[in-house]
Amino acid sequence: MNPKDDTLDALYEEPGAYAGSTRKSFVCSDDITLLIAVNDAKPWTASSGSLMKTWTDIASDLKANRRFKVAKDGQGCKTRFDKLTKAYKERTLAAMRRSGTDEEFGECEQPLEDILA
């Protein structure tokens, strides 16, 4: 797979690829929930020694959130957040629209704007 394709194509897998109450892949609603949690926790304000603990705490909070259906640890949440911010900065977030509605992407872009402002 081309590394550039990873930024776009690998961010979302086919809907319904995983059954059950949790999934391995993110969908747009999971991204929105993740971005809201990250914006609340503000891990970028954590000291370098506690950065991963902050991400672990974010992942724990997300596991308790019934709207978040992805089984990810702190590193997985951080990786997804990094991919979302990179796609937003490169203006490729719109290319991911195939996996969500216009309304969901509007909801996804607003927290990214707040975080990156």
PDB file of N, CA and C in Angstrom:
ATOM      1  N   MET A   1       0.842  -1.179   0.000  1.00  0.00           N
ATOM      2  CA  MET A   1       0.000   0.000   0.000  1.00  0.00           C
ATOM      3  C   MET A   1       0.883   1.238   0.000  1.00  0.00           C
ATOM      4  N   ASN A   2       0.547   2.193  -0.801  1.00  0.00           N
ATOM      5  CA  ASN A   2       1.254   3.456  -0.883  1.00  0.00           C
ATOM      6  C   ASN A   2       1.101   4.190   0.451  1.00  0.00           C
ATOM      7  N   PRO A   3       2.194   4.747   1.016  1.00  0.00           N
ATOM      8  CA  PRO A   3       2.089   5.435   2.303  1.00  0.00           C
ATOM      9  C   PRO A   3       1.071   6.576   2.288  1.00  0.00           C
ATOM     10  N   LYS A   4       0.925   7.270   1.170  1.00  0.00           N
ATOM     11  CA  LYS A   4      -0.059   8.348   1.098  1.00  0.00           C
ATOM     12  C   LYS A   4      -1.473   7.799   1.176  1.00  0.00           C
ATOM     13  N   ASP A   5      -1.697   6.611   0.608  1.00  0.00           N
ATOM     14  CA  ASP A   5      -3.015   5.991   0.679  1.00  0.00           C
ATOM     15  C   ASP A   5      -3.376   5.640   2.113  1.00  0.00           C
ATOM     16  N   ASP A   6      -2.363   5.370   2.942  1.00  0.00           N
ATOM     17  CA  ASP A   6      -2.605   5.025   4.339  1.00  0.00           C
ATOM     18  C   ASP A   6      -3.336   6.151   5.050  1.00  0.00           C
ATOM     19  N   THR A   7      -2.954   7.397   4.752  1.00  0.00           N
ATOM     20  CA  THR A   7      -3.579   8.540   5.396  1.00  0.00           C
ATOM     21  C   THR A   7      -5.066   8.588   5.114  1.00  0.00           C
ATOM     22  N   LEU A   8      -5.464   8.239   3.898  1.00  0.00           N
ATOM     23  CA  LEU A   8      -6.869   8.331   3.528  1.00  0.00           C
ATOM     24  C   LEU A   8      -7.604   7.014   3.657  1.00  0.00           C
ATOM     25  N   ASP A   9      -7.132   6.015   2.958  1.00  0.00           N
ATOM     26  CA  ASP A   9      -7.865   4.755   2.866  1.00  0.00           C
ATOM     27  C   ASP A   9      -7.865   3.951   4.155  1.00  0.00           C
ATOM     28  N   ALA A  10      -6.769   3.953   4.877  1.00  0.00           N
ATOM     29  CA  ALA A  10      -6.688   3.116   6.072  1.00  0.00           C
ATOM     30  C   ALA A  10      -7.326   3.760   7.297  1.00  0.00           C
ATOM     31  N   LEU A  11      -7.729   5.026   7.196  1.00  0.00           N
ATOM     32  CA  LEU A  11      -8.369   5.653   8.341  1.00  0.00           C
ATOM     33  C   LEU A  11      -9.704   4.994   8.652  1.00  0.00           C
ATOM     34  N   TYR A  12     -10.376   4.546   7.612  1.00  0.00           N
ATOM     35  CA  TYR A  12     -11.656   3.866   7.801  1.00  0.00           C
ATOM     36  C   TYR A  12     -11.629   2.554   7.054  1.00  0.00           C
ATOM     37  N   GLU A  13     -12.197   1.535   7.655  1.00  0.00           N
ATOM     38  CA  GLU A  13     -12.375   0.268   6.974  1.00  0.00           C
ATOM     39  C   GLU A  13     -13.831   0.175   6.582  1.00  0.00           C
ATOM     40  N   GLU A  14     -14.153  -0.825   5.812  1.00  0.00           N
ATOM     41  CA  GLU A  14     -15.527  -0.996   5.349  1.00  0.00           C
ATOM     42  C   GLU A  14     -16.487  -1.060   6.530  1.00  0.00           C
ATOM     43  N   PRO A  15     -17.609  -0.327   6.452  1.00  0.00           N
ATOM     44  CA  PRO A  15     -18.601  -0.415   7.524  1.00  0.00           C
ATOM     45  C   PRO A  15     -19.077  -1.854   7.702  1.00  0.00           C
ATOM     46  N   GLY A  16     -19.236  -2.248   8.939  1.00  0.00           N
ATOM     47  CA  GLY A  16     -19.704  -3.600   9.224  1.00  0.00           C
ATOM     48  C   GLY A  16     -18.634  -4.664   9.120  1.00  0.00           C
ATOM     49  N   ALA A  17     -17.372  -4.252   8.970  1.00  0.00           N
ATOM     50  CA  ALA A  17     -16.298  -5.227   8.835  1.00  0.00           C
ATOM     51  C   ALA A  17     -16.120  -6.037  10.117  1.00  0.00           C
ATOM     52  N   TYR A  18     -16.488  -5.452  11.223  1.00  0.00           N
ATOM     53  CA  TYR A  18     -16.354  -6.144  12.500  1.00  0.00           C
ATOM     54  C   TYR A  18     -17.700  -6.140  13.199  1.00  0.00           C
ATOM     55  N   ALA A  19     -18.140  -7.284  13.642  1.00  0.00           N
ATOM     56  CA  ALA A  19     -19.424  -7.394  14.336  1.00  0.00           C
ATOM     57  C   ALA A  19     -19.198  -7.312  15.836  1.00  0.00           C
ATOM     58  N   GLY A  20     -20.260  -7.171  16.576  1.00  0.00           N
ATOM     59  CA  GLY A  20     -20.161  -7.145  18.025  1.00  0.00           C
ATOM     60  C   GLY A  20     -20.301  -5.747  18.572  1.00  0.00           C
ATOM     61  N   SER A  21     -20.133  -5.631  19.886  1.00  0.00           N
ATOM     62  CA  SER A  21     -20.334  -4.344  20.526  1.00  0.00           C
ATOM     63  C   SER A  21     -19.145  -3.415  20.347  1.00  0.00           C
ATOM     64  N   THR A  22     -17.963  -3.958  20.098  1.00  0.00           N
ATOM     65  CA  THR A  22     -16.805  -3.110  19.820  1.00  0.00           C
ATOM     66  C   THR A  22     -16.226  -3.487  18.467  1.00  0.00           C
ATOM     67  N   ARG A  23     -15.531  -2.516  17.884  1.00  0.00           N
ATOM     68  CA  ARG A  23     -14.900  -2.716  16.582  1.00  0.00           C
ATOM     69  C   ARG A  23     -13.404  -2.476  16.717  1.00  0.00           C
ATOM     70  N   LYS A  24     -12.673  -2.880  15.699  1.00  0.00           N
ATOM     71  CA  LYS A  24     -11.248  -2.578  15.648  1.00  0.00           C
ATOM     72  C   LYS A  24     -10.999  -1.286  14.887  1.00  0.00           C
ATOM     73  N   SER A  25     -11.921  -0.914  14.012  1.00  0.00           N
ATOM     74  CA  SER A  25     -11.722   0.269  13.185  1.00  0.00           C
ATOM     75  C   SER A  25     -12.642   1.405  13.610  1.00  0.00           C
ATOM     76  N   PHE A  26     -12.185   2.616  13.365  1.00  0.00           N
ATOM     77  CA  PHE A  26     -12.940   3.810  13.700  1.00  0.00           C
ATOM     78  C   PHE A  26     -13.962   4.128  12.619  1.00  0.00           C
ATOM     79  N   VAL A  27     -15.083   4.691  13.031  1.00  0.00           N
ATOM     80  CA  VAL A  27     -16.037   5.309  12.119  1.00  0.00           C
ATOM     81  C   VAL A  27     -16.128   6.774  12.542  1.00  0.00           C
ATOM     82  N   CYS A  28     -16.788   7.573  11.734  1.00  0.00           N
ATOM     83  CA  CYS A  28     -16.820   9.010  11.975  1.00  0.00           C
ATOM     84  C   CYS A  28     -17.342   9.356  13.373  1.00  0.00           C
ATOM     85  N   SER A  29     -18.371   8.675  13.838  1.00  0.00           N
ATOM     86  CA  SER A  29     -18.918   8.978  15.168  1.00  0.00           C
ATOM     87  C   SER A  29     -17.891   8.697  16.269  1.00  0.00           C
ATOM     88  N   ASP A  30     -17.038   7.698  16.081  1.00  0.00           N
ATOM     89  CA  ASP A  30     -15.970   7.422  17.049  1.00  0.00           C
ATOM     90  C   ASP A  30     -14.942   8.547  17.040  1.00  0.00           C
ATOM     91  N   ASP A  31     -14.639   9.058  15.839  1.00  0.00           N
ATOM     92  CA  ASP A  31     -13.695  10.170  15.734  1.00  0.00           C
ATOM     93  C   ASP A  31     -14.209  11.394  16.474  1.00  0.00           C
ATOM     94  N   ILE A  32     -15.497  11.680  16.318  1.00  0.00           N
ATOM     95  CA  ILE A  32     -16.092  12.831  16.996  1.00  0.00           C
ATOM     96  C   ILE A  32     -15.967  12.665  18.507  1.00  0.00           C
ATOM     97  N   THR A  33     -16.308  11.492  19.013  1.00  0.00           N
ATOM     98  CA  THR A  33     -16.218  11.218  20.451  1.00  0.00           C
ATOM     99  C   THR A  33     -14.773  11.325  20.926  1.00  0.00           C
ATOM    100  N   LEU A  34     -13.839  10.788  20.148  1.00  0.00           N
ATOM    101  CA  LEU A  34     -12.414  10.882  20.481  1.00  0.00           C
ATOM    102  C   LEU A  34     -11.967  12.340  20.534  1.00  0.00           C
ATOM    103  N   LEU A  35     -12.322  13.121  19.519  1.00  0.00           N
ATOM    104  CA  LEU A  35     -11.889  14.516  19.464  1.00  0.00           C
ATOM    105  C   LEU A  35     -12.457  15.334  20.617  1.00  0.00           C
ATOM    106  N   ILE A  36     -13.695  15.074  20.995  1.00  0.00           N
ATOM    107  CA  ILE A  36     -14.285  15.780  22.136  1.00  0.00           C
ATOM    108  C   ILE A  36     -13.530  15.423  23.416  1.00  0.00           C
ATOM    109  N   ALA A  37     -13.222  14.136  23.597  1.00  0.00           N
ATOM    110  CA  ALA A  37     -12.481  13.699  24.786  1.00  0.00           C
ATOM    111  C   ALA A  37     -11.080  14.303  24.817  1.00  0.00           C
ATOM    112  N   VAL A  38     -10.426  14.349  23.667  1.00  0.00           N
ATOM    113  CA  VAL A  38      -9.077  14.919  23.594  1.00  0.00           C
ATOM    114  C   VAL A  38      -9.127  16.414  23.889  1.00  0.00           C
ATOM    115  N   ASN A  39     -10.118  17.099  23.328  1.00  0.00           N
ATOM    116  CA  ASN A  39     -10.242  18.536  23.567  1.00  0.00           C
ATOM    117  C   ASN A  39     -10.500  18.825  25.043  1.00  0.00           C
ATOM    118  N   ASP A  40     -11.245  17.959  25.711  1.00  0.00           N
ATOM    119  CA  ASP A  40     -11.491  18.123  27.150  1.00  0.00           C
ATOM    120  C   ASP A  40     -10.238  17.849  27.975  1.00  0.00           C
ATOM    121  N   ALA A  41      -9.497  16.795  27.626  1.00  0.00           N
ATOM    122  CA  ALA A  41      -8.320  16.383  28.406  1.00  0.00           C
ATOM    123  C   ALA A  41      -7.076  17.209  28.090  1.00  0.00           C
ATOM    124  N   LYS A  42      -6.997  17.746  26.878  1.00  0.00           N
ATOM    125  CA  LYS A  42      -5.859  18.557  26.430  1.00  0.00           C
ATOM    126  C   LYS A  42      -4.507  17.896  26.742  1.00  0.00           C
ATOM    127  N   PRO A  43      -4.243  16.739  26.130  1.00  0.00           N
ATOM    128  CA  PRO A  43      -2.992  16.030  26.427  1.00  0.00           C
ATOM    129  C   PRO A  43      -1.740  16.821  26.063  1.00  0.00           C
ATOM    130  N   TRP A  44      -1.856  17.787  25.191  1.00  0.00           N
ATOM    131  CA  TRP A  44      -0.700  18.596  24.805  1.00  0.00           C
ATOM    132  C   TRP A  44      -0.225  19.481  25.958  1.00  0.00           C
ATOM    133  N   THR A  45      -1.017  19.614  27.017  1.00  0.00           N
ATOM    134  CA  THR A  45      -0.589  20.386  28.181  1.00  0.00           C
ATOM    135  C   THR A  45       0.113  19.514  29.225  1.00  0.00           C
ATOM    136  N   ALA A  46       0.096  18.203  29.032  1.00  0.00           N
ATOM    137  CA  ALA A  46       0.716  17.278  29.990  1.00  0.00           C
ATOM    138  C   ALA A  46       2.234  17.367  29.904  1.00  0.00           C
ATOM    139  N   SER A  47       2.878  17.146  31.025  1.00  0.00           N
ATOM    140  CA  SER A  47       4.342  17.115  31.019  1.00  0.00           C
ATOM    141  C   SER A  47       4.802  15.882  30.248  1.00  0.00           C
ATOM    142  N   SER A  48       6.027  15.933  29.768  1.00  0.00           N
ATOM    143  CA  SER A  48       6.518  14.830  28.931  1.00  0.00           C
ATOM    144  C   SER A  48       6.497  13.496  29.672  1.00  0.00           C
ATOM    145  N   GLY A  49       6.656  13.503  30.965  1.00  0.00           N
ATOM    146  CA  GLY A  49       6.639  12.267  31.736  1.00  0.00           C
ATOM    147  C   GLY A  49       5.251  11.686  31.950  1.00  0.00           C
ATOM    148  N   SER A  50       4.221  12.500  31.762  1.00  0.00           N
ATOM    149  CA  SER A  50       2.862  12.015  32.003  1.00  0.00           C
ATOM    150  C   SER A  50       2.004  12.001  30.739  1.00  0.00           C
ATOM    151  N   LEU A  51       2.609  12.210  29.592  1.00  0.00           N
ATOM    152  CA  LEU A  51       1.851  12.284  28.341  1.00  0.00           C
ATOM    153  C   LEU A  51       1.106  10.988  28.045  1.00  0.00           C
ATOM    154  N   MET A  52       1.774   9.854  28.125  1.00  0.00           N
ATOM    155  CA  MET A  52       1.104   8.589  27.803  1.00  0.00           C
ATOM    156  C   MET A  52       0.078   8.209  28.871  1.00  0.00           C
ATOM    157  N   LYS A  53       0.287   8.623  30.109  1.00  0.00           N
ATOM    158  CA  LYS A  53      -0.731   8.385  31.134  1.00  0.00           C
ATOM    159  C   LYS A  53      -1.992   9.167  30.787  1.00  0.00           C
ATOM    160  N   THR A  54      -1.828  10.368  30.271  1.00  0.00           N
ATOM    161  CA  THR A  54      -2.986  11.163  29.860  1.00  0.00           C
ATOM    162  C   THR A  54      -3.750  10.444  28.760  1.00  0.00           C
ATOM    163  N   TRP A  55      -3.025   9.876  27.779  1.00  0.00           N
ATOM    164  CA  TRP A  55      -3.689   9.137  26.698  1.00  0.00           C
ATOM    165  C   TRP A  55      -4.347   7.859  27.231  1.00  0.00           C
ATOM    166  N   THR A  56      -3.727   7.215  28.201  1.00  0.00           N
ATOM    167  CA  THR A  56      -4.334   6.029  28.820  1.00  0.00           C
ATOM    168  C   THR A  56      -5.626   6.413  29.535  1.00  0.00           C
ATOM    169  N   ASP A  57      -5.610   7.563  30.208  1.00  0.00           N
ATOM    170  CA  ASP A  57      -6.817   8.051  30.879  1.00  0.00           C
ATOM    171  C   ASP A  57      -7.916   8.372  29.869  1.00  0.00           C
ATOM    172  N   ILE A  58      -7.543   8.962  28.734  1.00  0.00           N
ATOM    173  CA  ILE A  58      -8.516   9.256  27.675  1.00  0.00           C
ATOM    174  C   ILE A  58      -9.139   7.952  27.189  1.00  0.00           C
ATOM    175  N   ALA A  59      -8.302   6.948  26.939  1.00  0.00           N
ATOM    176  CA  ALA A  59      -8.807   5.651  26.459  1.00  0.00           C
ATOM    177  C   ALA A  59      -9.741   5.013  27.486  1.00  0.00           C
ATOM    178  N   SER A  60      -9.407   5.113  28.763  1.00  0.00           N
ATOM    179  CA  SER A  60     -10.272   4.556  29.817  1.00  0.00           C
ATOM    180  C   SER A  60     -11.620   5.256  29.847  1.00  0.00           C
ATOM    181  N   ASP A  61     -11.598   6.573  29.728  1.00  0.00           N
ATOM    182  CA  ASP A  61     -12.852   7.333  29.695  1.00  0.00           C
ATOM    183  C   ASP A  61     -13.686   6.952  28.480  1.00  0.00           C
ATOM    184  N   LEU A  62     -13.026   6.758  27.336  1.00  0.00           N
ATOM    185  CA  LEU A  62     -13.747   6.394  26.116  1.00  0.00           C
ATOM    186  C   LEU A  62     -14.359   5.001  26.222  1.00  0.00           C
ATOM    187  N   LYS A  63     -13.659   4.076  26.869  1.00  0.00           N
ATOM    188  CA  LYS A  63     -14.204   2.720  27.044  1.00  0.00           C
ATOM    189  C   LYS A  63     -15.497   2.746  27.853  1.00  0.00           C
ATOM    190  N   ALA A  64     -15.606   3.709  28.757  1.00  0.00           N
ATOM    191  CA  ALA A  64     -16.813   3.840  29.577  1.00  0.00           C
ATOM    192  C   ALA A  64     -17.935   4.581  28.847  1.00  0.00           C
ATOM    193  N   ASN A  65     -17.616   5.177  27.704  1.00  0.00           N
ATOM    194  CA  ASN A  65     -18.601   5.936  26.930  1.00  0.00           C
ATOM    195  C   ASN A  65     -19.326   4.990  25.977  1.00  0.00           C
ATOM    196  N   ARG A  66     -20.633   4.855  26.118  1.00  0.00           N
ATOM    197  CA  ARG A  66     -21.396   3.910  25.294  1.00  0.00           C
ATOM    198  C   ARG A  66     -21.414   4.292  23.819  1.00  0.00           C
ATOM    199  N   ARG A  67     -21.099   5.542  23.501  1.00  0.00           N
ATOM    200  CA  ARG A  67     -21.080   5.966  22.094  1.00  0.00           C
ATOM    201  C   ARG A  67     -19.783   5.600  21.388  1.00  0.00           C
ATOM    202  N   PHE A  68     -18.760   5.295  22.153  1.00  0.00           N
ATOM    203  CA  PHE A  68     -17.453   4.956  21.576  1.00  0.00           C
ATOM    204  C   PHE A  68     -17.366   3.448  21.475  1.00  0.00           C
ATOM    205  N   LYS A  69     -17.317   2.934  20.272  1.00  0.00           N
ATOM    206  CA  LYS A  69     -17.427   1.485  20.067  1.00  0.00           C
ATOM    207  C   LYS A  69     -16.136   0.841  19.558  1.00  0.00           C
ATOM    208  N   VAL A  70     -15.004   1.519  19.730  1.00  0.00           N
ATOM    209  CA  VAL A  70     -13.735   0.981  19.249  1.00  0.00           C
ATOM    210  C   VAL A  70     -12.901   0.538  20.444  1.00  0.00           C
ATOM    211  N   ALA A  71     -12.365  -0.653  20.379  1.00  0.00           N
ATOM    212  CA  ALA A  71     -11.514  -1.169  21.451  1.00  0.00           C
ATOM    213  C   ALA A  71     -10.078  -0.709  21.211  1.00  0.00           C
ATOM    214  N   LYS A  72      -9.706   0.426  21.804  1.00  0.00           N
ATOM    215  CA  LYS A  72      -8.361   0.978  21.637  1.00  0.00           C
ATOM    216  C   LYS A  72      -7.784   1.363  22.989  1.00  0.00           C
ATOM    217  N   ASP A  73      -6.461   1.223  23.096  1.00  0.00           N
ATOM    218  CA  ASP A  73      -5.763   1.671  24.291  1.00  0.00           C
ATOM    219  C   ASP A  73      -5.301   3.115  24.071  1.00  0.00           C
ATOM    220  N   GLY A  74      -4.548   3.641  25.022  1.00  0.00           N
ATOM    221  CA  GLY A  74      -4.071   5.016  24.922  1.00  0.00           C
ATOM    222  C   GLY A  74      -3.244   5.268  23.682  1.00  0.00           C
ATOM    223  N   GLN A  75      -2.348   4.343  23.346  1.00  0.00           N
ATOM    224  CA  GLN A  75      -1.514   4.510  22.153  1.00  0.00           C
ATOM    225  C   GLN A  75      -2.375   4.496  20.893  1.00  0.00           C
ATOM    226  N   GLY A  76      -3.373   3.631  20.846  1.00  0.00           N
ATOM    227  CA  GLY A  76      -4.264   3.573  19.688  1.00  0.00           C
ATOM    228  C   GLY A  76      -5.049   4.860  19.510  1.00  0.00           C
ATOM    229  N   CYS A  77      -5.502   5.434  20.613  1.00  0.00           N
ATOM    230  CA  CYS A  77      -6.229   6.707  20.547  1.00  0.00           C
ATOM    231  C   CYS A  77      -5.306   7.833  20.090  1.00  0.00           C
ATOM    232  N   LYS A  78      -4.083   7.846  20.605  1.00  0.00           N
ATOM    233  CA  LYS A  78      -3.115   8.868  20.201  1.00  0.00           C
ATOM    234  C   LYS A  78      -2.786   8.743  18.722  1.00  0.00           C
ATOM    235  N   THR A  79      -2.591   7.524  18.249  1.00  0.00           N
ATOM    236  CA  THR A  79      -2.281   7.296  16.836  1.00  0.00           C
ATOM    237  C   THR A  79      -3.416   7.801  15.955  1.00  0.00           C
ATOM    238  N   ARG A  80      -4.655   7.491  16.330  1.00  0.00           N
ATOM    239  CA  ARG A  80      -5.799   7.949  15.547  1.00  0.00           C
ATOM    240  C   ARG A  80      -5.896   9.467  15.560  1.00  0.00           C
ATOM    241  N   PHE A  81      -5.696  10.068  16.720  1.00  0.00           N
ATOM    242  CA  PHE A  81      -5.728  11.523  16.827  1.00  0.00           C
ATOM    243  C   PHE A  81      -4.661  12.146  15.933  1.00  0.00           C
ATOM    244  N   ASP A  82      -3.456  11.587  15.952  1.00  0.00           N
ATOM    245  CA  ASP A  82      -2.377  12.098  15.104  1.00  0.00           C
ATOM    246  C   ASP A  82      -2.744  11.998  13.625  1.00  0.00           C
ATOM    247  N   LYS A  83      -3.370  10.892  13.213  1.00  0.00           N
ATOM    248  CA  LYS A  83      -3.787  10.731  11.814  1.00  0.00           C
ATOM    249  C   LYS A  83      -4.859  11.745  11.438  1.00  0.00           C
ATOM    250  N   LEU A  84      -5.798  11.979  12.338  1.00  0.00           N
ATOM    251  CA  LEU A  84      -6.858  12.950  12.061  1.00  0.00           C
ATOM    252  C   LEU A  84      -6.302  14.363  11.934  1.00  0.00           C
ATOM    253  N   THR A  85      -5.394  14.741  12.832  1.00  0.00           N
ATOM    254  CA  THR A  85      -4.834  16.089  12.751  1.00  0.00           C
ATOM    255  C   THR A  85      -3.980  16.246  11.504  1.00  0.00           C
ATOM    256  N   LYS A  86      -3.248  15.209  11.132  1.00  0.00           N
ATOM    257  CA  LYS A  86      -2.442  15.267   9.908  1.00  0.00           C
ATOM    258  C   LYS A  86      -3.346  15.418   8.684  1.00  0.00           C
ATOM    259  N   ALA A  87      -4.411  14.637   8.614  1.00  0.00           N
ATOM    260  CA  ALA A  87      -5.340  14.725   7.481  1.00  0.00           C
ATOM    261  C   ALA A  87      -5.994  16.098   7.430  1.00  0.00           C
ATOM    262  N   TYR A  88      -6.332  16.649   8.580  1.00  0.00           N
ATOM    263  CA  TYR A  88      -6.959  17.970   8.626  1.00  0.00           C
ATOM    264  C   TYR A  88      -5.985  19.040   8.144  1.00  0.00           C
ATOM    265  N   LYS A  89      -4.747  18.987   8.632  1.00  0.00           N
ATOM    266  CA  LYS A  89      -3.740  19.971   8.225  1.00  0.00           C
ATOM    267  C   LYS A  89      -3.434  19.888   6.736  1.00  0.00           C
ATOM    268  N   GLU A  90      -3.465  18.683   6.196  1.00  0.00           N
ATOM    269  CA  GLU A  90      -3.187  18.494   4.768  1.00  0.00           C
ATOM    270  C   GLU A  90      -4.435  18.683   3.911  1.00  0.00           C
ATOM    271  N   ARG A  91      -5.537  19.053   4.556  1.00  0.00           N
ATOM    272  CA  ARG A  91      -6.811  19.274   3.858  1.00  0.00           C
ATOM    273  C   ARG A  91      -7.306  18.024   3.141  1.00  0.00           C
ATOM    274  N   THR A  92      -6.986  16.852   3.686  1.00  0.00           N
ATOM    275  CA  THR A  92      -7.454  15.601   3.088  1.00  0.00           C
ATOM    276  C   THR A  92      -8.582  14.980   3.898  1.00  0.00           C
ATOM    277  N   LEU A  93      -9.027  15.657   4.936  1.00  0.00           N
ATOM    278  CA  LEU A  93     -10.117  15.137   5.756  1.00  0.00           C
ATOM    279  C   LEU A  93     -11.383  14.958   4.918  1.00  0.00           C
ATOM    280  N   ALA A  94     -11.615  15.859   3.979  1.00  0.00           N
ATOM    281  CA  ALA A  94     -12.810  15.764   3.125  1.00  0.00           C
ATOM    282  C   ALA A  94     -12.803  14.499   2.280  1.00  0.00           C
ATOM    283  N   ALA A  95     -11.639  13.978   1.971  1.00  0.00           N
ATOM    284  CA  ALA A  95     -11.550  12.762   1.157  1.00  0.00           C
ATOM    285  C   ALA A  95     -12.074  11.541   1.913  1.00  0.00           C
ATOM    286  N   MET A  96     -12.252  11.654   3.221  1.00  0.00           N
ATOM    287  CA  MET A  96     -12.748  10.541   4.023  1.00  0.00           C
ATOM    288  C   MET A  96     -14.272  10.522   4.086  1.00  0.00           C
ATOM    289  N   ARG A  97     -14.942  11.396   3.375  1.00  0.00           N
ATOM    290  CA  ARG A  97     -16.400  11.526   3.441  1.00  0.00           C
ATOM    291  C   ARG A  97     -17.141  10.247   3.104  1.00  0.00           C
ATOM    292  N   ARG A  98     -16.517   9.337   2.416  1.00  0.00           N
ATOM    293  CA  ARG A  98     -17.194   8.098   2.053  1.00  0.00           C
ATOM    294  C   ARG A  98     -17.616   7.295   3.274  1.00  0.00           C
ATOM    295  N   SER A  99     -17.071   7.614   4.436  1.00  0.00           N
ATOM    296  CA  SER A  99     -17.373   6.841   5.639  1.00  0.00           C
ATOM    297  C   SER A  99     -18.223   7.599   6.650  1.00  0.00           C
ATOM    298  N   GLY A 100     -18.810   8.710   6.244  1.00  0.00           N
ATOM    299  CA  GLY A 100     -19.644   9.463   7.166  1.00  0.00           C
ATOM    300  C   GLY A 100     -20.499  10.460   6.415  1.00  0.00           C
ATOM    301  N   THR A 101     -21.463  11.034   7.103  1.00  0.00           N
ATOM    302  CA  THR A 101     -22.344  12.016   6.481  1.00  0.00           C
ATOM    303  C   THR A 101     -21.698  13.394   6.529  1.00  0.00           C
ATOM    304  N   ASP A 102     -22.246  14.324   5.735  1.00  0.00           N
ATOM    305  CA  ASP A 102     -21.750  15.699   5.760  1.00  0.00           C
ATOM    306  C   ASP A 102     -21.861  16.286   7.167  1.00  0.00           C
ATOM    307  N   GLU A 103     -22.962  15.981   7.838  1.00  0.00           N
ATOM    308  CA  GLU A 103     -23.170  16.488   9.191  1.00  0.00           C
ATOM    309  C   GLU A 103     -22.108  15.946  10.144  1.00  0.00           C
ATOM    310  N   GLU A 104     -21.798  14.649  10.033  1.00  0.00           N
ATOM    311  CA  GLU A 104     -20.774  14.051  10.897  1.00  0.00           C
ATOM    312  C   GLU A 104     -19.415  14.688  10.646  1.00  0.00           C
ATOM    313  N   PHE A 105     -19.095  14.960   9.387  1.00  0.00           N
ATOM    314  CA  PHE A 105     -17.802  15.563   9.108  1.00  0.00           C
ATOM    315  C   PHE A 105     -17.734  16.998   9.583  1.00  0.00           C
ATOM    316  N   GLY A 106     -18.866  17.701   9.555  1.00  0.00           N
ATOM    317  CA  GLY A 106     -18.908  19.036  10.143  1.00  0.00           C
ATOM    318  C   GLY A 106     -18.638  18.968  11.635  1.00  0.00           C
ATOM    319  N   GLU A 107     -19.231  17.974  12.285  1.00  0.00           N
ATOM    320  CA  GLU A 107     -19.004  17.768  13.718  1.00  0.00           C
ATOM    321  C   GLU A 107     -17.566  17.361  14.001  1.00  0.00           C
ATOM    322  N   CYS A 108     -16.933  16.695  13.072  1.00  0.00           N
ATOM    323  CA  CYS A 108     -15.549  16.247  13.231  1.00  0.00           C
ATOM    324  C   CYS A 108     -14.583  17.412  13.013  1.00  0.00           C
ATOM    325  N   GLU A 109     -14.893  18.284  12.057  1.00  0.00           N
ATOM    326  CA  GLU A 109     -13.997  19.393  11.748  1.00  0.00           C
ATOM    327  C   GLU A 109     -13.977  20.445  12.849  1.00  0.00           C
ATOM    328  N   GLN A 110     -15.113  20.695  13.495  1.00  0.00           N
ATOM    329  CA  GLN A 110     -15.169  21.742  14.520  1.00  0.00           C
ATOM    330  C   GLN A 110     -14.212  21.481  15.680  1.00  0.00           C
ATOM    331  N   PRO A 111     -14.208  20.283  16.286  1.00  0.00           N
ATOM    332  CA  PRO A 111     -13.233  20.066  17.367  1.00  0.00           C
ATOM    333  C   PRO A 111     -11.787  20.130  16.870  1.00  0.00           C
ATOM    334  N   LEU A 112     -11.549  19.695  15.633  1.00  0.00           N
ATOM    335  CA  LEU A 112     -10.188  19.795  15.089  1.00  0.00           C
ATOM    336  C   LEU A 112      -9.773  21.259  14.964  1.00  0.00           C
ATOM    337  N   GLU A 113     -10.685  22.107  14.501  1.00  0.00           N
ATOM    338  CA  GLU A 113     -10.386  23.539  14.412  1.00  0.00           C
ATOM    339  C   GLU A 113     -10.087  24.102  15.797  1.00  0.00           C
ATOM    340  N   ASP A 114     -10.890  23.714  16.790  1.00  0.00           N
ATOM    341  CA  ASP A 114     -10.676  24.198  18.157  1.00  0.00           C
ATOM    342  C   ASP A 114      -9.329  23.737  18.704  1.00  0.00           C
ATOM    343  N   ILE A 115      -8.991  22.488  18.463  1.00  0.00           N
ATOM    344  CA  ILE A 115      -7.752  21.915  18.979  1.00  0.00           C
ATOM    345  C   ILE A 115      -6.533  22.532  18.311  1.00  0.00           C
ATOM    346  N   LEU A 116      -6.596  22.726  17.008  1.00  0.00           N
ATOM    347  CA  LEU A 116      -5.429  23.189  16.258  1.00  0.00           C
ATOM    348  C   LEU A 116      -5.325  24.704  16.176  1.00  0.00           C
ATOM    349  N   ALA A 117      -6.284  25.418  16.740  1.00  0.00           N
ATOM    350  CA  ALA A 117      -6.254  26.890  16.699  1.00  0.00           C
ATOM    351  C   ALA A 117      -5.221  27.443  17.652  1.00  0.00           C
TER     352      ALA A 117
END
